[in-house]
Amino acid sequence: MQTSRPPLESPHVTTLGEAERLSTELATRWLGMFAAKDWRGRLELLNQVHEQLQEDLHDLELYSAVSPLFIRKLIERLSNGPVHSLAQAHIYANSEDEGHRRAAGEWLAAHKSAVISRH
């Protein structure tokens, strides 16, 4: 499924400050589409956005800097609440925020049998 995506202001980012700026731009542009979905839908959309971001940036190191910042900013704008599902845990686990990653790990540890049965 191809989703239409908002255009990026600049596909070439070279500094951490620019990674912060690009991640803020991405979170702002995509927030409405993510807010309209449940966590499973958000994970699917996030995977699509990440694929496109990798293509647009042509730089794995830069992508690796922008992605966790983007995810943190999305979580902060969407809920920033406790983890309640596997899809939400997957998203939180990739956030730049240590608290988000911890919450994902705690949820995954507490629901180990449910996680294993889904794979």
Protein backbone atom coordinates (compact mmCIF):
# COMPACT_ATOMS: atom_id res chain seq x y z
CA MET A 1 0.00 0.00 0.00
CA GLN A 2 1.48 3.32 -1.07
CA THR A 3 0.73 6.27 1.19
CA SER A 4 1.04 9.85 0.09
CA ARG A 5 3.67 11.56 2.13
CA PRO A 6 4.32 15.16 2.93
CA PRO A 7 7.46 16.40 1.15
CA LEU A 8 10.61 16.95 3.17
CA GLU A 9 12.02 20.44 3.36
CA SER A 10 15.58 19.17 2.85
CA PRO A 11 16.70 15.58 2.26
CA HIS A 12 20.33 16.39 3.17
CA VAL A 13 21.03 16.81 6.86
CA THR A 14 24.58 16.90 8.17
CA THR A 15 24.50 17.88 11.84
CA LEU A 16 22.74 16.79 15.00
CA GLY A 17 20.98 20.16 15.10
CA GLU A 18 19.68 19.54 11.61
CA ALA A 19 18.63 16.01 12.62
CA GLU A 20 16.62 17.61 15.45
CA ARG A 21 15.08 20.06 12.99
CA LEU A 22 14.21 17.36 10.46
CA SER A 23 12.73 15.08 13.13
CA THR A 24 10.56 17.96 14.37
CA GLU A 25 9.46 18.71 10.81
CA LEU A 26 8.58 15.05 10.21
CA ALA A 27 6.65 14.73 13.49
CA THR A 28 4.71 17.90 12.75
CA ARG A 29 3.88 16.90 9.17
CA TRP A 30 2.88 13.31 9.97
CA LEU A 31 1.14 13.81 13.33
CA GLY A 32 -2.38 14.00 11.89
CA MET A 33 -2.01 10.74 9.98
CA PHE A 34 -0.57 8.93 12.99
CA ALA A 35 -3.18 10.35 15.39
CA ALA A 36 -6.00 8.93 13.26
CA LYS A 37 -4.71 5.36 13.71
CA ASP A 38 -4.51 2.82 16.51
CA TRP A 39 -1.06 1.58 17.58
CA ARG A 40 -1.04 -1.28 15.05
CA GLY A 41 -1.87 1.18 12.26
CA ARG A 42 0.76 3.58 13.59
CA LEU A 43 3.41 0.85 13.46
CA GLU A 44 2.48 0.00 9.86
CA LEU A 45 2.58 3.67 8.86
CA LEU A 46 5.85 4.19 10.71
CA ASN A 47 7.42 1.34 8.74
CA GLN A 48 6.30 2.98 5.49
CA VAL A 49 7.58 6.41 6.58
CA HIS A 50 10.91 4.85 7.55
CA GLU A 51 11.28 3.15 4.16
CA GLN A 52 10.66 6.45 2.41
CA LEU A 53 12.95 8.33 4.78
CA GLN A 54 15.79 5.92 4.02
CA GLU A 55 15.28 6.50 0.29
CA ASP A 56 15.08 10.29 0.71
CA LEU A 57 18.16 10.61 2.91
CA HIS A 58 20.47 8.14 1.13
CA ASP A 59 22.52 8.03 4.32
CA LEU A 60 22.19 5.25 6.91
CA GLU A 61 24.06 7.18 9.59
CA LEU A 62 21.77 10.18 9.19
CA TYR A 63 18.67 7.98 9.10
CA SER A 64 19.87 6.35 12.32
CA ALA A 65 20.14 9.81 13.94
CA VAL A 66 16.77 11.12 12.72
CA SER A 67 14.61 8.01 13.27
CA PRO A 68 14.75 7.71 17.09
CA LEU A 69 14.26 11.48 17.46
CA PHE A 70 11.25 11.37 15.14
CA ILE A 71 9.75 8.46 17.08
CA ARG A 72 10.29 10.20 20.43
CA LYS A 73 8.56 13.32 19.17
CA LEU A 74 5.65 11.33 17.76
CA ILE A 75 5.17 9.50 21.07
CA GLU A 76 5.29 12.76 23.02
CA ARG A 77 2.67 14.29 20.75
CA LEU A 78 0.43 11.22 20.53
CA SER A 79 0.19 10.05 24.13
CA ASN A 80 3.44 9.56 26.04
CA GLY A 81 1.42 7.18 28.21
CA PRO A 82 1.98 3.62 29.36
CA VAL A 83 2.43 0.82 26.85
CA HIS A 84 -0.68 -1.32 26.30
CA SER A 85 0.06 -3.37 23.17
CA LEU A 86 2.76 -5.16 21.22
CA ALA A 87 2.66 -2.60 18.38
CA GLN A 88 2.98 0.26 20.85
CA ALA A 89 5.92 -1.52 22.52
CA HIS A 90 7.67 -1.86 19.15
CA ILE A 91 7.32 1.87 18.55
CA TYR A 92 8.41 2.85 22.06
CA ALA A 93 11.42 0.49 21.84
CA ASN A 94 12.83 2.56 18.97
CA SER A 95 12.44 5.95 20.62
CA GLU A 96 15.42 8.10 21.50
CA ASP A 97 13.92 8.50 24.99
CA GLU A 98 15.26 6.04 27.56
CA GLY A 99 11.94 6.10 29.46
CA HIS A 100 10.06 5.04 26.32
CA ARG A 101 12.50 2.19 25.72
CA ARG A 102 12.24 1.09 29.35
CA ALA A 103 8.44 1.12 29.20
CA ALA A 104 8.57 -1.04 26.06
CA GLY A 105 10.97 -3.49 27.69
CA GLU A 106 8.85 -3.75 30.82
CA TRP A 107 5.70 -4.38 28.77
CA LEU A 108 7.46 -6.98 26.61
CA ALA A 109 8.86 -8.75 29.68
CA ALA A 110 5.46 -8.80 31.36
CA HIS A 111 3.77 -10.14 28.22
CA LYS A 112 6.46 -12.56 27.06
CA SER A 113 4.07 -15.43 26.37
CA ALA A 114 1.77 -13.25 24.24
CA VAL A 115 4.76 -11.97 22.25
CA ILE A 116 6.13 -15.45 21.61
CA SER A 117 2.74 -16.84 20.50
CA ARG A 118 2.40 -14.08 17.87
CA HIS A 119 5.67 -15.01 16.14
